[in-house]
Protein backbone atom coordinates (compact mmCIF):
# COMPACT_ATOMS: atom_id res chain seq x y z
CA UNK A 1 273.55 -92.33 142.08
CA UNK A 2 276.33 -90.18 140.16
CA UNK A 3 279.69 -89.89 142.24
CA UNK A 4 282.08 -87.07 141.64
CA UNK A 5 285.87 -87.59 140.35
CA UNK A 6 288.16 -84.94 140.28
CA UNK A 7 289.73 -83.64 137.69
CA UNK A 8 293.22 -83.80 139.34
CA UNK A 9 292.70 -87.18 139.89
CA UNK A 10 292.29 -87.93 136.49
CA UNK A 11 294.81 -86.01 135.00
CA UNK A 12 297.23 -87.50 137.91
CA UNK A 13 296.41 -91.40 136.06
CA UNK A 14 297.07 -89.37 132.33
CA UNK A 15 300.20 -88.04 133.65
CA UNK A 16 301.66 -91.53 134.31
CA UNK A 17 300.16 -92.91 131.01
CA UNK A 18 302.20 -89.92 129.05
CA UNK A 19 305.52 -89.81 130.79
CA UNK A 20 305.84 -93.50 132.90
CA UNK A 21 308.40 -95.71 131.79
CA UNK A 22 307.10 -98.87 133.20
CA UNK A 23 304.27 -99.45 131.13
CA UNK A 24 304.81 -102.36 129.27
CA UNK A 25 304.40 -102.75 125.33
CA UNK A 26 301.32 -105.45 125.50
CA UNK A 27 298.46 -106.45 128.13
CA UNK A 28 296.02 -109.52 128.37
CA UNK A 29 292.54 -108.63 128.14
CA UNK A 30 289.36 -110.80 127.48
CA UNK A 31 291.67 -113.77 126.87
CA UNK A 32 293.75 -112.41 123.97
CA UNK A 33 297.19 -110.22 123.89
CA UNK A 34 297.07 -106.85 122.79
CA UNK A 35 299.83 -104.66 121.62
CA UNK A 36 299.50 -101.05 123.61
CA UNK A 37 301.43 -98.00 121.84
CA UNK A 38 302.85 -94.94 123.66
CA UNK A 39 300.74 -92.24 124.19
CA UNK A 40 297.62 -94.29 123.62
CA UNK A 41 295.21 -94.63 127.16
CA UNK A 42 295.98 -98.44 128.02
CA UNK A 43 292.66 -100.11 128.09
CA UNK A 44 293.36 -101.93 131.71
CA UNK A 45 293.81 -98.57 133.90
CA UNK A 46 289.94 -99.03 134.65
CA UNK A 47 287.57 -102.31 133.81
CA UNK A 48 285.51 -100.09 131.29
CA UNK A 49 287.11 -101.61 128.55
CA UNK A 50 286.64 -104.82 129.31
CA UNK A 51 283.53 -104.29 130.67
CA UNK A 52 281.87 -102.80 127.75
CA UNK A 53 283.83 -104.84 125.36
CA UNK A 54 281.78 -107.89 126.84
CA UNK A 55 278.45 -106.27 126.89
CA UNK A 56 278.27 -104.08 123.82
CA UNK A 57 275.41 -106.22 121.28
CA UNK A 58 277.57 -106.45 118.53
CA UNK A 59 275.33 -106.68 115.56
CA UNK A 60 276.26 -110.18 114.02
CA UNK A 61 276.60 -109.95 110.49
CA UNK A 62 276.42 -106.23 110.43
CA UNK A 63 278.03 -103.18 110.74
CA UNK A 64 279.83 -101.70 113.67
CA UNK A 65 281.09 -97.96 114.24
CA UNK A 66 283.12 -97.02 117.77
CA UNK A 67 284.09 -93.24 118.52
CA UNK A 68 287.40 -93.19 120.46
CA UNK A 69 288.80 -96.44 119.95
CA UNK A 70 291.90 -96.09 121.18
CA UNK A 71 293.75 -99.41 121.72
CA UNK A 72 291.68 -101.07 119.07
CA UNK A 73 290.12 -103.74 122.08
CA UNK A 74 286.17 -103.01 121.38
CA UNK A 75 286.50 -102.96 117.31
CA UNK A 76 288.65 -105.74 116.88
CA UNK A 77 286.12 -108.10 119.41
CA UNK A 78 283.44 -106.80 117.38
CA UNK A 79 285.00 -108.15 114.28
CA UNK A 80 285.72 -111.41 116.37
CA UNK A 81 282.08 -111.40 117.41
CA UNK A 82 280.58 -111.81 113.80
CA UNK A 83 280.73 -107.76 112.75
CA UNK A 84 281.23 -108.13 108.93
CA UNK A 85 282.09 -104.27 108.57
CA UNK A 86 284.03 -102.01 111.58
CA UNK A 87 284.35 -98.76 111.76
CA UNK A 88 287.05 -97.47 114.44
CA UNK A 89 287.85 -93.61 115.39
CA UNK A 90 289.83 -91.80 117.41
CA UNK A 91 291.34 -87.88 117.43
CA UNK A 92 294.71 -89.35 118.14
CA UNK A 93 296.88 -90.87 115.19
CA UNK A 94 298.89 -92.84 117.83
CA UNK A 95 295.44 -94.46 118.82
CA UNK A 96 294.81 -95.17 115.02
CA UNK A 97 297.89 -96.72 114.61
CA UNK A 98 297.48 -98.92 117.57
CA UNK A 99 294.28 -99.92 116.44
CA UNK A 100 295.38 -101.14 113.30
CA UNK A 101 298.31 -102.89 114.71
CA UNK A 102 295.60 -105.01 117.05
CA UNK A 103 293.50 -106.01 114.04
CA UNK A 104 296.69 -107.30 112.42
CA UNK A 105 297.31 -108.98 115.07
CA UNK A 106 293.93 -110.66 115.81
CA UNK A 107 293.32 -111.13 111.71
CA UNK A 108 290.59 -109.19 111.48
CA UNK A 109 292.45 -106.00 109.19
CA UNK A 110 290.21 -106.70 106.51
CA UNK A 111 286.80 -105.87 108.18
CA UNK A 112 288.04 -103.13 110.51
CA UNK A 113 288.83 -99.60 108.93
CA UNK A 114 290.40 -97.54 111.18
CA UNK A 115 290.65 -93.38 110.92
CA UNK A 116 291.71 -90.44 112.13
CA UNK A 117 288.90 -88.37 113.22
CA UNK A 118 287.11 -86.28 115.46
CA UNK A 119 284.06 -88.02 116.25
CA UNK A 120 281.96 -88.27 112.43
CA UNK A 121 284.26 -85.62 110.43
CA UNK A 122 286.27 -88.38 108.73
CA UNK A 123 283.06 -90.37 107.55
CA UNK A 124 281.32 -90.28 103.94
CA UNK A 125 278.14 -88.75 104.43
CA UNK A 126 276.82 -92.42 102.93
CA UNK A 127 278.11 -94.48 105.74
CA UNK A 128 275.40 -96.31 107.99
CA UNK A 129 275.89 -98.30 110.96
CA UNK A 130 273.64 -101.00 112.39
CA UNK A 131 275.48 -99.86 115.68
CA UNK A 132 277.54 -96.60 116.71
CA UNK A 133 279.31 -97.03 120.21
CA UNK A 134 281.27 -94.54 121.93
CA UNK A 135 282.67 -95.03 125.80
CA UNK A 136 283.01 -92.04 126.53
CA UNK A 137 285.33 -89.66 128.97
CA UNK A 138 282.88 -89.40 132.49
CA UNK A 139 285.00 -87.10 134.33
CA UNK A 140 283.10 -83.99 133.89
CA UNK A 141 285.09 -80.48 133.33
CA UNK A 142 283.93 -76.96 132.45
CA UNK A 143 283.68 -75.84 128.70
CA UNK A 144 286.92 -74.45 127.91
CA UNK A 145 288.87 -76.79 130.45
CA UNK A 146 292.47 -77.01 128.50
CA UNK A 147 293.35 -80.08 126.33
CA UNK A 148 297.12 -80.06 125.89
CA UNK A 149 297.40 -83.03 123.75
CA UNK A 150 295.33 -85.90 122.03
CA UNK A 151 295.15 -88.32 124.36
CA UNK A 152 293.89 -85.90 126.88
CA UNK A 153 290.59 -86.40 124.97
CA UNK A 154 290.60 -90.05 126.18
CA UNK A 155 289.83 -88.37 130.00
CA UNK A 156 288.51 -85.27 129.06
CA UNK A 157 285.22 -83.79 127.24
CA UNK A 158 285.07 -80.28 128.44
CA UNK A 159 281.44 -79.37 129.11
CA UNK A 160 280.49 -82.94 127.80
CA UNK A 161 280.19 -80.94 124.28
CA UNK A 162 281.66 -83.79 122.72
CA UNK A 163 279.24 -86.06 124.10
CA UNK A 164 276.35 -83.75 122.55
CA UNK A 165 277.96 -83.69 119.15
CA UNK A 166 278.05 -87.18 119.17
CA UNK A 167 274.58 -87.93 120.03
CA UNK A 168 273.14 -85.07 117.66
CA UNK A 169 275.32 -86.19 114.55
CA UNK A 170 274.18 -89.95 115.21
CA UNK A 171 271.44 -89.85 113.09
CA UNK A 172 272.88 -88.98 109.63
CA UNK A 173 275.17 -92.25 110.30
CA UNK A 174 272.33 -94.81 111.95
CA UNK A 175 271.12 -97.32 109.49
CA UNK A 176 267.27 -97.85 109.58
CA UNK A 177 267.23 -99.52 112.70
CA UNK A 178 270.45 -99.06 113.75
CA UNK A 179 271.05 -98.85 117.70
CA UNK A 180 273.13 -95.41 119.21
CA UNK A 181 274.98 -96.86 122.23
CA UNK A 182 276.88 -95.03 125.02
CA UNK A 183 279.12 -96.41 127.82
CA UNK A 184 279.78 -94.37 130.81
CA UNK A 185 279.99 -95.18 134.74
CA UNK A 186 278.71 -93.56 138.11
CA UNK A 187 280.82 -90.64 137.66
CA UNK A 188 279.61 -89.31 135.05
CA UNK A 189 276.74 -86.87 134.69
CA UNK A 190 273.85 -88.63 133.25
CA UNK A 191 271.59 -85.60 133.61
CA UNK A 192 273.50 -84.30 131.05
CA UNK A 193 273.38 -87.06 128.75
CA UNK A 194 269.44 -87.21 129.15
CA UNK A 195 269.19 -83.52 128.33
CA UNK A 196 271.77 -83.79 125.17
CA UNK A 197 269.34 -86.94 124.00
CA UNK A 198 266.16 -84.83 125.08
CA UNK A 199 267.12 -82.18 122.92
CA UNK A 200 268.02 -84.57 120.00
CA UNK A 201 264.81 -86.27 120.44
CA UNK A 202 265.96 -89.19 122.14
CA UNK A 203 265.21 -91.06 125.09
CA UNK A 204 267.92 -92.96 127.35
CA UNK A 205 267.48 -96.38 128.51
CA UNK A 206 270.01 -98.01 131.01
CA UNK A 207 270.80 -101.58 129.15
CA UNK A 208 273.17 -102.72 131.52
CA UNK A 209 274.83 -102.17 135.46
CA UNK A 210 278.18 -104.15 135.87
CA UNK A 211 279.80 -103.25 138.91
CA UNK A 212 283.82 -103.55 139.57
CA UNK A 213 285.45 -103.85 142.85
CA UNK A 214 288.87 -101.37 142.03
CA UNK A 215 291.98 -99.90 143.73
CA UNK A 216 290.12 -97.08 144.88
CA UNK A 217 286.13 -97.80 145.01
CA UNK A 218 283.89 -99.68 143.63
CA UNK A 219 283.05 -98.93 140.11
CA UNK A 220 279.53 -98.89 138.32
CA UNK A 221 279.49 -99.19 134.46
CA UNK A 222 276.70 -98.42 132.55
CA UNK A 223 275.64 -99.00 128.88
CA UNK A 224 273.27 -96.57 127.71
CA UNK A 225 271.06 -97.10 124.58
CA UNK A 226 269.59 -93.65 123.28
CA UNK A 227 266.45 -94.60 121.08
CA UNK A 228 264.23 -91.49 119.16
CA UNK A 229 260.81 -90.87 121.14
């Protein structure tokens, strides 16, 4: 079941992240302490980061690519979970700096490469990964919705065009046998993801569902895998 979230509600949360003076400079998650920079979406406003970091199938001994790394929790956890080569991408330059800081804090800076990038743009054409993952912005807004800051891309993906490009471009960077993974929630528009996958010659499988009681409602987080038909 898909539940709709109003853009206004999401924008209110985003405004607090951008202007609130009560946010801490660090936070605890997954038994570790993490640095939080201003202008980066906190990984604790919802359970999404914690859930996905806990259930993503990291390719131990292999390579992992995260799109939209934010504070770097998932990319750093990938390295700590045995990935020998991690690349973290974000369109928000502040998130790039934040992820690097957390990679250094947890001793994996030598295994986590962090790049400022709109999806795959900063990658070399020869870059290949055993797993590619994006914990996508699930609040649906129409194409043309204004993104007034880089931080808005953490919450809004107008027309799901970013997710469309993510799916379409993944083949160019997946290693043989590599896995394409999406983290989303029951607030997302699953039908659109399925349609984009079909256009790319892929099918979508639900790998995991995790329900969490949150302040406003019970959230259901979904880990999807896209596979060639």
